[in-house]
Amino acid sequence: MKSIAVVGAGAVGCYYGGRLAAAGEDVRFLMRSDLEAVREGGLTVESVAGDFRLEAPQVFGSSGEIGPVDLVMVAWKATSNDHYEEVIAPLLHDGTAILTLQNGLGNTERLAELFGAGRVLGGLCFVCINRVARGVIRHSASGLMTVGEFSGGLTPRLVGIGRQFRAAAIDCREVEHLAEAQWKKLAWNVPFNGFTIAEGGIDTEALLARPGMEDEVRAVMREVVAGAAALGHRIPDGFIEELLDVTRPMGPYRPSSMIDFEAGRDVEVEAIWAEPLRRATAAGADLPHWERLLARIRERLAARERG
C-alpha cells in the first residue's frame, strides 16, 4: 500500500494514520474542522507508546484533492455513512482497498454494496484515544488493531497490511473471521459506551464504582456473547473478565459515544446497539438487559433534544 488516505481524520484516524506517516508512509488526511490548524501547526500525538509529531502532514479539504490511493482508511463515525459514495469514490483506482475502522455492524456491508466486496476490509481498534485540542491527539492506553477481510480468509493483501502497520509501531493482528472480531469489540462497546450515556454522561471509572453497575455491565456483556453465539460466532470463556481487567486500569476514560452525547452530536445508536441487537434477536437470542440499555440510551438522547 504505497499511498494511504485517511477519511475522517479525528482521534482514531490521526493516531493510526499519524503512526504510518511518522514511519515514512505516504499518508493523506482528509480533514474538516482541524484542517487549517493542522496545516499551520502540524499534528501532535501524546501517546503512552511514545509521543510523536508531524510538522507538515499532508492534509486536504476534499477527497478530489487527494486523488486515487492504494488504501482508504475510513475513521469517521457511522453517523456519517450517507457520505460514503461521494467521499470515497474519488479515492479509488482499480486496485484500491477500503479498510473501515468504524464501530458497530453494517459498515462493511454498506461499503461492499457500494464498491464491491473484494475491496473491503474491517478493522477493530481497541484503544483509549481522544482529541484534546485542534491538531492534538492523546492516546492513554491500549492500541491493538484487529483487521480482517470482509469476505474472510488470511489473504496476502491482509497479511501485507498487517506487516506494514506493525512496521509503523501499530499493534496490528490479522484475523481470519472478521465478524467474530466485530462481536468481540461489541462486547466492550455495547455496555461501556452505552452505560456511560445511560447513567447521565460519566466515565468508565465512575461507572464501575457505582453500586451494582459492574454486575449490570457483566450482564450486558454476557448477552452480547450470547448474541454472537446465536449467529455462529464463539467468544471464548473468560473473555468478559479479560475486558473488565483491561478497562479498570484505564482510569476515568471517556468513551467516544459518551463524548458525542455530552457534546450534543449524533450518537452511533444504530451501528453499535440497534443493528447488532436486531441481528441477534432475529437469530433467536433473548437479550432483555441489552434491550433495556438501548431504551435508556434513546431516552437520554430524547431528553437531550428536549433540552
Protein backbone atom coordinates (compact mmCIF):
# COMPACT_ATOMS: atom_id res chain seq x y z
CA MET A 1 0.00 0.00 0.00
CA LYS A 2 2.18 2.81 -1.32
CA SER A 3 -0.40 5.55 -0.75
CA ILE A 4 -2.99 5.80 2.02
CA ALA A 5 -5.91 8.18 2.52
CA VAL A 6 -7.40 8.67 5.98
CA VAL A 7 -11.07 9.66 5.70
CA GLY A 8 -12.44 11.11 8.92
CA ALA A 9 -9.19 12.24 10.49
CA GLY A 10 -10.34 12.58 14.09
CA ALA A 11 -8.72 10.89 17.07
CA VAL A 12 -8.57 7.36 15.65
CA GLY A 13 -7.68 8.38 12.10
CA CYS A 14 -4.98 10.80 13.21
CA TYR A 15 -3.43 8.33 15.62
CA TYR A 16 -3.12 5.37 13.27
CA GLY A 17 -2.57 7.47 10.16
CA GLY A 18 -0.06 9.55 12.09
CA ARG A 19 1.95 6.50 13.09
CA LEU A 20 2.05 5.38 9.45
CA ALA A 21 3.14 8.85 8.32
CA ALA A 22 5.79 9.04 11.05
CA ALA A 23 7.19 5.76 9.70
CA GLY A 24 7.62 7.34 6.26
CA GLU A 25 4.42 6.16 4.57
CA ASP A 26 2.60 8.38 2.05
CA VAL A 27 -0.46 9.25 4.16
CA ARG A 28 -3.01 11.88 3.10
CA PHE A 29 -5.50 13.10 5.70
CA LEU A 30 -8.98 14.29 4.77
CA MET A 31 -9.89 16.87 7.42
CA ARG A 32 -12.69 19.29 8.11
CA SER A 33 -12.70 21.17 11.44
CA ASP A 34 -8.96 20.77 12.13
CA LEU A 35 -7.76 21.40 8.57
CA GLU A 36 -6.32 24.90 8.97
CA ALA A 37 -4.98 24.24 12.47
CA VAL A 38 -3.02 21.19 11.29
CA ARG A 39 -1.83 22.94 8.15
CA GLU A 40 -0.42 25.76 10.25
CA GLY A 41 0.71 23.93 13.37
CA GLY A 42 1.19 20.28 12.46
CA LEU A 43 -0.18 17.19 14.22
CA THR A 44 0.86 16.22 17.76
CA VAL A 45 0.22 12.80 19.28
CA GLU A 46 0.76 12.32 23.02
CA SER A 47 0.99 8.56 23.44
CA VAL A 48 1.76 6.00 26.11
CA ALA A 49 3.56 4.16 23.32
CA GLY A 50 5.78 7.18 22.59
CA ASP A 51 4.93 10.76 21.66
CA PHE A 52 5.47 11.95 18.11
CA ARG A 53 4.79 14.97 15.97
CA LEU A 54 4.20 15.54 12.27
CA GLU A 55 5.40 19.04 11.40
CA ALA A 56 3.84 19.16 7.94
CA PRO A 57 1.39 16.29 7.36
CA GLN A 58 -0.41 16.03 4.04
CA VAL A 59 -3.87 17.41 4.80
CA PHE A 60 -6.69 18.10 2.36
CA GLY A 61 -10.20 19.52 2.46
CA SER A 62 -11.71 17.22 -0.17
CA SER A 63 -11.12 13.72 -1.49
CA GLY A 64 -10.91 15.15 -5.02
CA GLU A 65 -7.73 16.96 -3.98
CA ILE A 66 -6.27 13.71 -2.65
CA GLY A 67 -6.96 11.61 -5.74
CA PRO A 68 -6.73 7.81 -6.11
CA VAL A 69 -4.73 5.89 -3.49
CA ASP A 70 -3.92 2.26 -2.73
CA LEU A 71 -5.68 2.13 0.65
CA VAL A 72 -8.58 4.16 2.05
CA MET A 73 -8.90 4.08 5.84
CA VAL A 74 -12.39 5.14 6.95
CA ALA A 75 -12.31 6.50 10.50
CA TRP A 76 -15.37 8.71 10.75
CA LYS A 77 -18.42 7.87 12.87
CA ALA A 78 -21.06 5.58 11.35
CA THR A 79 -23.50 8.51 11.60
CA SER A 80 -21.71 9.96 8.52
CA ASN A 81 -22.09 6.87 6.33
CA ASP A 82 -24.51 8.60 3.96
CA HIS A 83 -21.39 10.32 2.58
CA TYR A 84 -19.54 7.10 1.71
CA GLU A 85 -20.09 7.29 -2.04
CA GLU A 86 -19.35 10.96 -2.65
CA VAL A 87 -16.22 10.97 -0.47
CA ILE A 88 -14.67 7.59 -1.23
CA ALA A 89 -15.31 7.26 -4.98
CA PRO A 90 -12.67 9.89 -5.97
CA LEU A 91 -10.05 7.98 -3.95
CA LEU A 92 -10.38 4.71 -5.87
CA HIS A 93 -8.41 3.13 -8.66
CA ASP A 94 -8.96 -0.42 -9.90
CA GLY A 95 -6.97 -1.99 -7.06
CA THR A 96 -7.78 0.31 -4.13
CA ALA A 97 -8.64 -1.44 -0.85
CA ILE A 98 -11.01 0.11 1.72
CA LEU A 99 -10.38 -0.51 5.43
CA THR A 100 -13.11 0.72 7.75
CA LEU A 101 -12.11 1.33 11.37
CA GLN A 102 -15.67 2.15 12.42
CA ASN A 103 -17.60 0.79 15.37
CA GLY A 104 -20.60 -1.50 15.21
CA LEU A 105 -22.17 -3.51 12.42
CA GLY A 106 -23.37 -2.63 8.94
CA ASN A 107 -20.38 -0.57 7.80
CA THR A 108 -18.54 -3.27 5.87
CA GLU A 109 -21.78 -4.48 4.26
CA ARG A 110 -22.63 -0.99 3.02
CA LEU A 111 -19.13 -0.43 1.63
CA ALA A 112 -19.33 -3.80 -0.15
CA GLU A 113 -22.68 -2.83 -1.70
CA LEU A 114 -21.29 0.45 -2.99
CA PHE A 115 -17.78 -0.51 -4.07
CA GLY A 116 -17.60 -4.32 -4.25
CA ALA A 117 -16.91 -6.89 -1.54
CA GLY A 118 -13.44 -7.58 -2.88
CA ARG A 119 -12.22 -4.12 -1.88
CA VAL A 120 -13.43 -4.17 1.71
CA LEU A 121 -11.66 -4.95 4.98
CA GLY A 122 -12.71 -4.21 8.54
CA GLY A 123 -10.60 -3.06 11.46
CA LEU A 124 -11.41 -3.02 15.19
CA CYS A 125 -9.45 -0.56 17.30
CA PHE A 126 -9.09 -1.43 20.99
CA VAL A 127 -7.62 1.89 22.06
CA CYS A 128 -8.17 4.71 24.56
CA ILE A 129 -7.77 7.82 22.49
CA ASN A 130 -9.25 11.31 22.42
CA ARG A 131 -8.82 14.56 20.52
CA VAL A 132 -7.94 17.07 23.23
CA ALA A 133 -7.36 20.18 21.07
CA ARG A 134 -7.14 21.11 17.41
CA GLY A 135 -4.31 19.05 15.99
CA VAL A 136 -3.60 17.31 19.32
CA ILE A 137 -4.44 13.64 19.98
CA ARG A 138 -3.98 11.90 23.33
CA HIS A 139 -3.50 8.12 23.41
CA SER A 140 -3.76 6.92 27.01
CA ALA A 141 -4.00 3.12 26.86
CA SER A 142 -4.11 0.04 24.63
CA GLY A 143 -3.79 0.40 20.85
CA LEU A 144 -4.47 -3.02 19.34
CA MET A 145 -5.94 -3.00 15.85
CA THR A 146 -7.52 -6.24 14.60
CA VAL A 147 -8.03 -6.43 10.84
CA GLY A 148 -9.85 -8.89 8.61
CA GLU A 149 -11.18 -9.31 5.10
CA PHE A 150 -14.92 -8.74 4.63
CA SER A 151 -15.00 -11.91 2.55
CA GLY A 152 -12.91 -13.84 5.08
CA GLY A 153 -9.58 -15.60 4.98
CA LEU A 154 -5.96 -14.67 5.61
CA THR A 155 -5.25 -13.24 2.16
CA PRO A 156 -1.83 -11.97 1.02
CA ARG A 157 -3.31 -8.46 1.00
CA LEU A 158 -4.42 -8.75 4.62
CA VAL A 159 -1.11 -10.19 5.75
CA GLY A 160 0.73 -7.42 3.89
CA ILE A 161 -1.34 -4.69 5.56
CA GLY A 162 -0.66 -6.21 8.97
CA ARG A 163 3.06 -6.31 8.27
CA GLN A 164 3.05 -2.72 7.03
CA PHE A 165 1.16 -1.46 10.08
CA ARG A 166 3.41 -3.30 12.54
CA ALA A 167 6.44 -1.71 10.87
CA ALA A 168 4.88 1.63 11.82
CA ALA A 169 4.69 0.66 15.54
CA ILE A 170 0.99 -0.21 15.33
CA ASP A 171 -0.02 -3.31 17.30
CA CYS A 172 -1.90 -4.97 14.43
CA ARG A 173 -3.19 -8.54 14.20
CA GLU A 174 -4.86 -10.21 11.23
CA VAL A 175 -7.92 -12.41 11.79
CA GLU A 176 -9.49 -14.97 9.51
CA HIS A 177 -13.07 -14.29 10.67
CA LEU A 178 -13.90 -10.58 10.75
CA ALA A 179 -17.46 -10.98 12.06
CA GLU A 180 -16.26 -12.76 15.19
CA ALA A 181 -13.79 -9.93 15.86
CA GLN A 182 -16.58 -7.38 15.39
CA TRP A 183 -18.68 -9.09 18.05
CA LYS A 184 -15.73 -9.18 20.44
CA LYS A 185 -15.46 -5.41 20.09
CA LEU A 186 -19.20 -5.07 20.67
CA ALA A 187 -18.77 -6.92 23.97
CA TRP A 188 -16.97 -3.79 25.22
CA ASN A 189 -18.71 -1.08 23.20
CA VAL A 190 -22.31 -2.08 23.94
CA PRO A 191 -22.03 -1.86 27.75
CA PHE A 192 -19.37 0.80 28.24
CA ASN A 193 -20.37 3.26 25.51
CA GLY A 194 -23.97 2.51 26.49
CA PHE A 195 -23.98 2.81 30.27
CA THR A 196 -21.76 5.89 30.31
CA ILE A 197 -24.58 7.60 28.38
CA ALA A 198 -27.48 5.92 30.19
CA GLU A 199 -26.04 6.94 33.57
CA GLY A 200 -26.01 10.58 32.52
CA GLY A 201 -22.56 11.08 30.99
CA ILE A 202 -19.91 9.53 33.26
CA ASP A 203 -16.51 7.96 32.62
CA THR A 204 -15.72 4.26 32.86
CA GLU A 205 -14.07 4.54 36.28
CA ALA A 206 -17.08 6.30 37.78
CA LEU A 207 -19.39 3.80 36.10
CA LEU A 208 -17.69 0.75 37.61
CA ALA A 209 -17.60 2.46 41.02
CA ARG A 210 -21.39 2.85 41.17
CA PRO A 211 -23.11 0.18 43.27
CA GLY A 212 -24.40 -2.67 41.14
CA MET A 213 -23.08 -1.29 37.84
CA GLU A 214 -20.31 -3.82 37.37
CA ASP A 215 -22.93 -6.57 37.59
CA GLU A 216 -25.04 -4.73 35.00
CA VAL A 217 -22.03 -4.41 32.70
CA ARG A 218 -21.35 -8.14 33.04
CA ALA A 219 -25.00 -8.96 32.31
CA VAL A 220 -24.95 -6.98 29.07
CA MET A 221 -21.58 -8.46 28.11
CA ARG A 222 -23.00 -11.96 28.60
CA GLU A 223 -25.89 -11.07 26.31
CA VAL A 224 -23.52 -9.77 23.60
CA VAL A 225 -21.64 -13.08 23.83
CA ALA A 226 -24.98 -14.93 23.59
CA GLY A 227 -25.98 -12.83 20.58
CA ALA A 228 -22.72 -13.66 18.89
CA ALA A 229 -23.23 -17.37 19.61
CA ALA A 230 -26.72 -17.25 18.09
CA LEU A 231 -25.10 -16.01 14.88
CA GLY A 232 -22.41 -18.71 14.95
CA HIS A 233 -19.55 -16.70 16.47
CA ARG A 234 -18.00 -18.27 19.55
CA ILE A 235 -16.36 -15.90 22.02
CA PRO A 236 -14.08 -17.78 24.44
CA ASP A 237 -14.90 -18.36 28.10
CA GLY A 238 -13.16 -15.77 30.24
CA PHE A 239 -13.32 -13.03 27.60
CA ILE A 240 -15.68 -10.91 29.70
CA GLU A 241 -13.27 -10.88 32.65
CA GLU A 242 -10.41 -10.03 30.27
CA LEU A 243 -12.33 -6.97 29.08
CA LEU A 244 -13.04 -5.84 32.64
CA ASP A 245 -9.39 -6.37 33.60
CA VAL A 246 -8.33 -4.19 30.66
CA THR A 247 -10.89 -1.48 31.48
CA ARG A 248 -10.12 -0.92 35.16
CA PRO A 249 -6.57 0.43 34.58
CA MET A 250 -7.91 2.92 32.01
CA GLY A 251 -8.94 5.21 34.85
CA PRO A 252 -11.53 7.93 34.12
CA TYR A 253 -11.79 7.11 30.41
CA ARG A 254 -14.50 8.85 28.39
CA PRO A 255 -15.75 6.59 25.56
CA SER A 256 -16.35 8.24 22.21
CA SER A 257 -20.13 7.81 22.31
CA MET A 258 -20.32 9.48 25.71
CA ILE A 259 -18.24 12.39 24.39
CA ASP A 260 -20.62 12.73 21.43
CA PHE A 261 -23.60 12.60 23.78
CA GLU A 262 -22.22 15.36 26.01
CA ALA A 263 -21.25 17.50 23.02
CA GLY A 264 -24.74 17.29 21.53
CA ARG A 265 -23.54 15.38 18.47
CA ASP A 266 -25.18 12.38 16.81
CA VAL A 267 -24.50 9.08 18.59
CA GLU A 268 -23.91 5.81 16.71
CA VAL A 269 -27.08 4.22 18.09
CA GLU A 270 -27.86 2.14 15.01
CA ALA A 271 -24.39 0.74 14.38
CA ILE A 272 -23.38 -0.06 17.97
CA TRP A 273 -26.66 -1.06 19.65
CA ALA A 274 -29.69 -1.35 17.39
CA GLU A 275 -28.37 -3.25 14.35
CA PRO A 276 -26.41 -5.89 16.32
CA LEU A 277 -29.43 -6.34 18.61
CA ARG A 278 -31.74 -6.86 15.63
CA ARG A 279 -29.44 -9.47 14.13
CA ALA A 280 -29.02 -11.36 17.38
CA THR A 281 -32.72 -11.42 18.28
CA ALA A 282 -33.61 -12.47 14.72
CA ALA A 283 -31.25 -15.42 15.26
CA GLY A 284 -33.18 -16.42 18.38
CA ALA A 285 -31.25 -14.79 21.23
CA ASP A 286 -33.14 -13.44 24.25
CA LEU A 287 -31.45 -10.18 25.29
CA PRO A 288 -33.53 -8.25 27.86
CA HIS A 289 -30.64 -6.35 29.50
CA TRP A 290 -29.41 -5.14 26.11
CA GLU A 291 -32.94 -4.09 25.12
CA ARG A 292 -33.36 -2.10 28.33
CA LEU A 293 -29.99 -0.43 27.85
CA LEU A 294 -30.90 0.64 24.32
CA ALA A 295 -34.20 2.05 25.58
CA ARG A 296 -32.35 4.04 28.25
CA ILE A 297 -29.90 5.43 25.69
CA ARG A 298 -32.78 6.56 23.48
CA GLU A 299 -34.48 8.16 26.49
CA ARG A 300 -31.33 10.10 27.33
CA LEU A 301 -30.96 11.28 23.74
CA ALA A 302 -34.60 12.33 23.58
CA ALA A 303 -34.23 14.25 26.85
CA ARG A 304 -31.13 15.96 25.50
CA GLU A 305 -33.01 17.08 22.40
CA ARG A 306 -35.82 18.46 24.54
CA GLY A 307 -33.25 20.50 26.42
